[in-house]
Amino acid sequence: MLRIPRNGLVRLVSRDIYHQQKRFQGARPNFGVIFVPQQEAWIVERFGKFFKTMNPGLNLLIPIIDTIKHVQILKEMPIEVPKQSAITADNVVLSLDGVLYVRVMDPYKASYGVEDVEFAVTQLAQTTMRSEIGKISLDQIFRERESLNVAIVAAINKAAEDWGIRCLRYEIRDIKPPTKIQEAMQMMVEAERKKRAAILESEGVKQSEINIAEGKKQATILTSEAFKIEQINTAEGEAEALKAKANAKAEAIRMVSTAISQQNGKNAVSYNVAEQYVAAFSNLAKTGNTVILPANTGDVSSMVAQAMSIYQNLSTESQSAPEQSTENQSAPELPKLDSVEPEVHTDMSDHDIHDDSK
């Protein structure tokens, strides 16, 4: 409770009445000289008829004749809209309230256009709110709360134009659906979250499988490329090795040729042939059980002589080949080895046949 002096009396009023009187105050006493506060407009009547509107500052009136009938506050004023029930388009009963922000634009209309401006604008806000909520469903109310406020403000301003006030904005403070609707909404929220979780989990599994498949694909490609490079390197290495062996063999042949042309080269060749003959003879019986031996197995000198004879014939043919090539471009004939043709023995007594299997 507050004590508010008025006309020299002390009255006990409630806070609601105090705020209402502060927003829309009634008559004031006339002492002739009046100081009007800023952002206020005082309506003056003379002999019960509207005379003028006093602006902020110093004003002079005639006592008894002139009467200050209404005091209008020109500031923006919040008005609480009481809680009410409204039915949505899908037949859901909601309990909601709000706050309305208004401003007096024309003090004359606000004083004479309606009996109680605050009551009128509050009732208009409630009816407009019920009308707008009945056009949309429950889900749209929470999503289109801003558009709902704008629609209510436009409807209020259209009707309150004759009252000299203007609604600046309207805000819905609280929307409370029934308990069962709240439980259903909670279940919907939980189901939606479970759905999102399942979708996210499946997307994760899908992405994981894709990544694994891509990894295997890349691994297979890299393995095949590595094998290809390995085969190419191996082939190139073998080719280089064959080239190196061929070059080494050619170099060895040239060195042997040079050595033979020197002094005692033929004796060295004879020694090498004899050595190879002995080595080959020692390996005759290693790969099989049956071995056919010539009659003169122990006569190494004859084998060396035959080999040297073949070598001399080849040397003679190779020397005579350049001379023949200048006269005739035909291909050289192969050397004849009649002089060194081995004897053919028909008598089996000249050969010793050894069979290890017996």
Protein backbone atom coordinates (compact mmCIF):
# COMPACT_ATOMS: atom_id res chain seq x y z
CA MET A 1 0.00 0.00 0.00
CA LEU A 2 1.16 3.53 -0.80
CA ARG A 3 0.20 6.93 0.62
CA ILE A 4 -0.48 9.37 -2.19
CA PRO A 5 -1.50 12.95 -1.31
CA ARG A 6 -4.29 14.27 -3.48
CA ASN A 7 -6.17 17.54 -2.86
CA GLY A 8 -4.65 17.78 0.63
CA LEU A 9 -5.91 14.28 1.61
CA VAL A 10 -4.00 11.09 2.28
CA ARG A 11 -5.44 8.00 0.67
CA LEU A 12 -4.38 4.36 0.86
CA VAL A 13 -4.43 2.79 -2.59
CA SER A 14 -3.02 -0.41 -4.07
CA ARG A 15 -0.07 -0.50 -6.44
CA ASP A 16 -2.28 -1.36 -9.43
CA ILE A 17 -4.48 1.67 -8.83
CA TYR A 18 -1.40 3.81 -8.38
CA HIS A 19 0.12 2.75 -11.67
CA GLN A 20 -3.19 3.19 -13.45
CA GLN A 21 -3.56 6.73 -12.06
CA LYS A 22 0.03 7.46 -13.00
CA ARG A 23 -0.60 6.46 -16.59
CA PHE A 24 -4.05 8.12 -16.96
CA GLN A 25 -4.49 10.70 -14.27
CA GLY A 26 -7.74 12.55 -13.68
CA ALA A 27 -8.53 16.20 -12.90
CA ARG A 28 -6.12 18.60 -11.20
CA PRO A 29 -6.87 21.72 -9.12
CA ASN A 30 -6.58 25.10 -10.82
CA PHE A 31 -4.56 27.75 -8.96
CA GLY A 32 -4.24 30.12 -11.92
CA VAL A 33 -0.57 29.48 -12.56
CA ILE A 34 0.16 25.95 -13.78
CA PHE A 35 3.50 24.28 -14.49
CA VAL A 36 3.03 21.31 -16.81
CA PRO A 37 5.82 18.67 -16.61
CA GLN A 38 7.67 17.41 -19.64
CA GLN A 39 6.03 14.60 -21.66
CA GLU A 40 2.58 15.37 -20.28
CA ALA A 41 -0.50 17.00 -21.82
CA TRP A 42 -3.22 18.58 -19.66
CA ILE A 43 -6.72 18.91 -21.08
CA VAL A 44 -8.50 22.12 -19.95
CA GLU A 45 -12.28 22.64 -20.02
CA ARG A 46 -14.05 25.98 -19.67
CA PHE A 47 -17.61 25.86 -18.44
CA GLY A 48 -17.58 22.09 -19.03
CA LYS A 49 -16.46 22.38 -22.66
CA PHE A 50 -13.04 21.57 -24.12
CA PHE A 51 -10.95 24.73 -24.11
CA LYS A 52 -7.32 23.83 -24.87
CA THR A 53 -4.44 21.42 -24.29
CA MET A 54 -1.67 22.78 -22.09
CA ASN A 55 1.86 21.96 -23.22
CA PRO A 56 4.86 21.48 -20.87
CA GLY A 57 5.99 24.69 -19.19
CA LEU A 58 4.22 27.74 -17.71
CA ASN A 59 0.50 28.07 -18.36
CA LEU A 60 -2.07 30.59 -17.04
CA LEU A 61 -5.69 29.69 -16.28
CA ILE A 62 -8.69 31.40 -14.75
CA PRO A 63 -9.59 29.75 -11.48
CA ILE A 64 -13.08 28.28 -11.12
CA ILE A 65 -13.86 28.98 -14.79
CA ASP A 66 -11.12 26.79 -16.24
CA THR A 67 -10.84 23.19 -15.07
CA ILE A 68 -8.01 20.70 -15.64
CA LYS A 69 -10.12 17.71 -16.63
CA HIS A 70 -7.58 15.12 -17.94
CA VAL A 71 -3.83 14.55 -17.68
CA GLN A 72 -2.30 12.40 -20.43
CA ILE A 73 1.20 10.89 -20.19
CA LEU A 74 2.98 11.06 -23.57
CA LYS A 75 5.66 8.48 -22.70
CA GLU A 76 5.63 4.89 -23.91
CA MET A 77 3.65 2.89 -21.37
CA PRO A 78 3.63 -0.90 -20.84
CA ILE A 79 0.23 -2.46 -20.20
CA GLU A 80 -0.02 -5.99 -18.92
CA VAL A 81 -2.49 -8.17 -20.79
CA PRO A 82 -4.12 -10.60 -18.31
CA LYS A 83 -3.82 -14.36 -18.81
CA GLN A 84 -6.47 -15.82 -21.06
CA SER A 85 -7.37 -18.99 -22.93
CA ALA A 86 -7.28 -19.41 -26.70
CA ILE A 87 -8.01 -22.31 -29.06
CA THR A 88 -5.64 -23.04 -31.95
CA ALA A 89 -6.63 -24.23 -35.42
CA ASP A 90 -5.97 -27.84 -34.38
CA ASN A 91 -8.30 -27.50 -31.32
CA VAL A 92 -5.64 -27.17 -28.61
CA VAL A 93 -6.50 -24.93 -25.65
CA LEU A 94 -3.65 -22.63 -24.67
CA SER A 95 -3.24 -20.37 -21.67
CA LEU A 96 -1.19 -17.27 -22.51
CA ASP A 97 -0.56 -13.68 -21.52
CA GLY A 98 1.43 -10.76 -22.86
CA VAL A 99 2.63 -7.18 -22.55
CA LEU A 100 1.38 -4.31 -24.69
CA TYR A 101 3.43 -1.13 -25.27
CA VAL A 102 1.37 1.95 -26.21
CA ARG A 103 1.86 5.68 -26.51
CA VAL A 104 -0.66 8.55 -26.52
CA MET A 105 -0.45 10.31 -29.86
CA ASP A 106 -3.50 12.58 -29.60
CA PRO A 107 -4.38 13.73 -26.02
CA TYR A 108 -7.79 15.03 -27.15
CA LYS A 109 -8.90 11.67 -28.62
CA ALA A 110 -7.41 9.78 -25.72
CA SER A 111 -9.49 11.91 -23.31
CA TYR A 112 -12.79 12.02 -25.19
CA GLY A 113 -12.60 9.08 -27.62
CA VAL A 114 -13.09 6.31 -25.06
CA GLU A 115 -14.08 6.13 -21.42
CA ASP A 116 -11.12 3.97 -20.21
CA VAL A 117 -8.23 3.77 -22.62
CA GLU A 118 -6.30 1.10 -20.75
CA PHE A 119 -9.32 -1.19 -20.35
CA ALA A 120 -10.29 -0.73 -23.99
CA VAL A 121 -6.85 -1.48 -25.39
CA THR A 122 -6.42 -4.48 -23.07
CA GLN A 123 -9.70 -6.01 -24.17
CA LEU A 124 -8.85 -5.33 -27.81
CA ALA A 125 -5.46 -7.04 -27.39
CA GLN A 126 -7.09 -10.12 -25.84
CA THR A 127 -9.73 -10.50 -28.54
CA THR A 128 -7.18 -9.92 -31.30
CA MET A 129 -4.86 -12.48 -29.75
CA ARG A 130 -7.61 -15.11 -29.63
CA SER A 131 -8.54 -14.37 -33.23
CA GLU A 132 -4.97 -14.65 -34.54
CA ILE A 133 -4.17 -17.81 -32.56
CA GLY A 134 -7.32 -19.49 -33.92
CA LYS A 135 -5.90 -19.17 -37.44
CA ILE A 136 -2.72 -21.24 -36.87
CA SER A 137 -1.83 -24.58 -35.33
CA LEU A 138 0.08 -25.26 -32.14
CA ASP A 139 3.39 -25.98 -33.88
CA GLN A 140 3.18 -22.77 -35.90
CA ILE A 141 2.63 -20.67 -32.77
CA PHE A 142 6.10 -21.52 -31.46
CA ARG A 143 7.76 -21.09 -34.84
CA GLU A 144 5.88 -17.92 -35.92
CA ARG A 145 5.77 -16.10 -32.64
CA GLU A 146 7.26 -12.93 -34.13
CA SER A 147 4.79 -12.80 -37.01
CA LEU A 148 1.96 -13.38 -34.54
CA ASN A 149 3.04 -10.35 -32.50
CA VAL A 150 3.20 -8.20 -35.64
CA ALA A 151 -0.31 -9.27 -36.69
CA ILE A 152 -1.75 -8.41 -33.26
CA VAL A 153 -0.10 -4.96 -33.28
CA ALA A 154 -1.50 -4.20 -36.75
CA ALA A 155 -5.02 -5.20 -35.67
CA ILE A 156 -4.86 -3.10 -32.49
CA ASN A 157 -3.57 0.00 -34.31
CA LYS A 158 -6.36 -0.23 -36.85
CA ALA A 159 -9.04 -0.17 -34.13
CA ALA A 160 -7.30 2.20 -31.69
CA GLU A 161 -6.77 4.98 -34.22
CA ASP A 162 -9.90 6.77 -33.03
CA TRP A 163 -8.70 6.55 -29.42
CA GLY A 164 -5.64 8.70 -30.01
CA ILE A 165 -3.17 5.99 -29.02
CA ARG A 166 -0.72 3.86 -30.95
CA CYS A 167 0.42 0.35 -30.18
CA LEU A 168 4.17 0.14 -30.67
CA ARG A 169 4.69 -3.58 -30.07
CA TYR A 170 3.14 -6.59 -28.43
CA GLU A 171 5.03 -9.43 -26.80
CA ILE A 172 3.62 -12.82 -25.76
CA ARG A 173 5.20 -13.59 -22.42
CA ASP A 174 4.06 -17.11 -21.66
CA ILE A 175 2.34 -19.87 -23.62
CA LYS A 176 1.22 -22.84 -21.56
CA PRO A 177 -0.48 -25.80 -23.26
CA PRO A 178 -2.37 -28.48 -21.29
CA THR A 179 -0.42 -31.11 -19.35
CA LYS A 180 -1.22 -33.95 -21.76
CA ILE A 181 -0.18 -31.81 -24.70
CA GLN A 182 3.08 -31.03 -22.93
CA GLU A 183 3.71 -34.76 -22.40
CA ALA A 184 2.96 -35.48 -26.06
CA MET A 185 5.27 -32.68 -27.14
CA GLN A 186 7.99 -34.07 -24.90
CA MET A 187 7.56 -37.51 -26.46
CA MET A 188 7.75 -35.94 -29.91
CA VAL A 189 10.96 -34.17 -28.97
CA GLU A 190 12.48 -37.40 -27.66
CA ALA A 191 11.42 -39.29 -30.79
CA GLU A 192 12.87 -36.58 -32.99
CA ARG A 193 16.16 -36.68 -31.13
CA LYS A 194 16.29 -40.48 -31.36
CA LYS A 195 15.58 -40.20 -35.07
CA ARG A 196 18.40 -37.72 -35.52
CA ALA A 197 20.73 -39.92 -33.49
CA ALA A 198 19.87 -42.97 -35.62
CA ILE A 199 20.37 -40.97 -38.82
CA LEU A 200 23.69 -39.63 -37.63
CA GLU A 201 24.81 -43.10 -36.61
CA SER A 202 23.83 -44.57 -39.99
CA GLU A 203 25.59 -41.72 -41.76
CA GLY A 204 28.68 -42.45 -39.70
CA VAL A 205 28.58 -46.16 -40.60
CA LYS A 206 28.06 -45.27 -44.26
CA GLN A 207 30.97 -42.87 -44.28
CA SER A 208 33.12 -45.42 -42.48
CA GLU A 209 32.36 -48.11 -45.06
CA ILE A 210 33.07 -45.66 -47.87
CA ASN A 211 36.38 -44.71 -46.30
CA ILE A 212 37.36 -48.38 -45.87
CA ALA A 213 36.44 -49.16 -49.49
CA GLU A 214 38.36 -46.14 -50.73
CA GLY A 215 41.34 -47.20 -48.63
CA LYS A 216 41.30 -50.74 -50.05
CA LYS A 217 40.98 -49.35 -53.57
CA GLN A 218 43.93 -47.02 -53.10
CA ALA A 219 45.96 -49.83 -51.50
CA THR A 220 45.25 -52.14 -54.47
CA ILE A 221 46.20 -49.45 -56.95
CA LEU A 222 49.41 -48.66 -55.11
CA THR A 223 50.29 -52.38 -54.84
CA SER A 224 49.77 -52.91 -58.57
CA GLU A 225 51.81 -49.83 -59.40
CA ALA A 226 54.58 -51.01 -57.08
CA PHE A 227 54.57 -54.48 -58.70
CA LYS A 228 54.67 -52.90 -62.14
CA ILE A 229 57.64 -50.73 -61.20
CA GLU A 230 59.34 -53.75 -59.64
CA GLN A 231 58.88 -55.79 -62.84
CA ILE A 232 60.19 -52.93 -64.94
CA ASN A 233 63.22 -52.50 -62.69
CA THR A 234 63.86 -56.27 -62.71
CA ALA A 235 63.66 -56.39 -66.52
CA GLU A 236 65.94 -53.40 -66.84
CA GLY A 237 68.39 -55.01 -64.40
CA GLU A 238 68.39 -58.30 -66.29
CA ALA A 239 68.91 -56.45 -69.57
CA GLU A 240 71.81 -54.52 -68.10
CA ALA A 241 73.22 -57.77 -66.71
CA LEU A 242 73.00 -59.47 -70.12
CA LYS A 243 74.66 -56.48 -71.73
CA ALA A 244 77.41 -56.57 -69.14
CA LYS A 245 77.93 -60.34 -69.62
CA ALA A 246 77.98 -59.94 -73.40
CA ASN A 247 80.47 -57.11 -73.18
CA ALA A 248 82.61 -59.12 -70.75
CA LYS A 249 82.50 -62.19 -73.03
CA ALA A 250 83.38 -60.12 -76.06
CA GLU A 251 86.24 -58.55 -74.16
CA ALA A 252 87.40 -62.01 -73.05
CA ILE A 253 87.29 -63.27 -76.64
CA ARG A 254 89.30 -60.28 -77.80
CA MET A 255 91.85 -60.86 -75.07
CA VAL A 256 92.09 -64.58 -75.95
CA SER A 257 92.50 -63.65 -79.60
CA THR A 258 95.26 -61.25 -78.73
CA ALA A 259 96.95 -63.80 -76.50
CA ILE A 260 96.85 -66.51 -79.20
CA SER A 261 98.51 -64.23 -81.73
CA GLN A 262 101.46 -63.74 -79.39
CA GLN A 263 104.45 -66.07 -78.93
CA ASN A 264 103.63 -69.55 -77.55
CA GLY A 265 99.91 -68.75 -77.84
CA LYS A 266 99.19 -72.06 -79.56
CA ASN A 267 100.86 -73.99 -76.75
CA ALA A 268 98.64 -72.17 -74.26
CA VAL A 269 95.54 -73.08 -76.29
CA SER A 270 96.67 -76.72 -76.38
CA TYR A 271 97.10 -76.70 -72.63
CA ASN A 272 93.65 -75.13 -72.10
CA VAL A 273 91.96 -77.71 -74.36
CA ALA A 274 93.67 -80.57 -72.56
CA GLU A 275 92.62 -79.14 -69.20
CA GLN A 276 88.97 -78.79 -70.29
CA TYR A 277 89.01 -82.33 -71.72
CA VAL A 278 90.17 -83.78 -68.43
CA ALA A 279 87.54 -81.77 -66.51
CA ALA A 280 84.76 -82.90 -68.87
CA PHE A 281 85.87 -86.50 -68.70
CA SER A 282 85.71 -86.41 -64.91
CA ASN A 283 81.99 -85.38 -65.06
CA LEU A 284 80.87 -88.02 -67.54
CA ALA A 285 79.32 -90.40 -65.03
CA LYS A 286 77.66 -87.78 -62.74
CA THR A 287 74.36 -87.22 -64.55
CA GLY A 288 73.49 -90.77 -65.72
CA ASN A 289 73.94 -94.46 -65.04
CA THR A 290 75.12 -95.44 -68.57
CA VAL A 291 78.30 -93.94 -70.08
CA ILE A 292 79.72 -94.61 -73.61
CA LEU A 293 83.47 -94.03 -73.69
CA PRO A 294 85.75 -93.82 -76.72
CA ALA A 295 88.39 -96.52 -77.20
CA ASN A 296 91.24 -94.09 -76.70
CA THR A 297 89.98 -92.61 -73.46
CA GLY A 298 93.40 -92.38 -71.92
CA ASP A 299 95.03 -90.89 -74.98
CA VAL A 300 94.83 -87.22 -74.10
CA SER A 301 97.44 -86.19 -76.61
CA SER A 302 95.37 -87.47 -79.56
CA MET A 303 92.33 -85.50 -78.36
CA VAL A 304 94.43 -82.38 -78.02
CA ALA A 305 95.85 -82.97 -81.49
CA GLN A 306 92.38 -83.29 -82.97
CA ALA A 307 91.26 -80.09 -81.20
CA MET A 308 94.35 -78.21 -82.45
CA SER A 309 93.74 -79.48 -85.97
CA ILE A 310 90.19 -78.12 -85.86
CA TYR A 311 91.51 -74.82 -84.53
CA GLN A 312 94.13 -74.58 -87.33
CA ASN A 313 91.51 -75.26 -90.00
CA LEU A 314 89.26 -72.54 -88.55
CA SER A 315 92.16 -70.11 -88.46
CA THR A 316 93.05 -70.86 -92.10
CA GLU A 317 89.45 -70.36 -93.20
CA SER A 318 89.14 -67.09 -91.26
CA GLN A 319 92.30 -65.73 -92.88
CA SER A 320 91.21 -66.67 -96.39
CA ALA A 321 87.69 -65.26 -95.86
CA PRO A 322 88.62 -61.54 -96.25
CA GLU A 323 90.36 -62.23 -99.57
CA GLN A 324 87.36 -64.08 -100.93
CA SER A 325 84.98 -61.36 -99.77
CA THR A 326 86.71 -58.76 -101.91
CA GLU A 327 86.36 -60.93 -105.01
CA ASN A 328 82.97 -62.43 -104.35
CA GLN A 329 80.37 -61.13 -101.87
CA SER A 330 78.85 -64.58 -101.35
CA ALA A 331 78.69 -66.01 -97.83
CA PRO A 332 81.78 -67.97 -96.74
CA GLU A 333 81.54 -71.72 -96.64
CA LEU A 334 81.83 -73.62 -93.41
CA PRO A 335 85.19 -75.22 -92.78
CA LYS A 336 85.51 -78.89 -93.69
CA LEU A 337 86.64 -81.15 -90.97
CA ASP A 338 87.44 -84.22 -93.09
CA SER A 339 90.99 -84.25 -91.93
CA VAL A 340 89.92 -84.55 -88.35
CA GLU A 341 86.86 -86.71 -88.85
CA PRO A 342 86.91 -89.35 -86.15
CA GLU A 343 87.02 -93.01 -87.06
CA VAL A 344 83.79 -94.95 -87.07
CA HIS A 345 84.26 -98.36 -85.50
CA THR A 346 81.70 -101.01 -86.20
CA ASP A 347 83.37 -103.47 -84.00
CA MET A 348 81.86 -103.24 -80.57
CA SER A 349 85.05 -104.69 -79.18
CA ASP A 350 86.71 -101.30 -79.63
CA HIS A 351 84.33 -99.70 -77.13
CA ASP A 352 83.75 -100.41 -73.55
CA ILE A 353 80.14 -100.14 -72.45
CA HIS A 354 79.59 -99.57 -68.78
CA ASP A 355 76.17 -99.76 -67.24
CA ASP A 356 76.01 -98.75 -63.63
CA SER A 357 72.52 -100.08 -63.27
CA LYS A 358 73.64 -103.67 -63.61
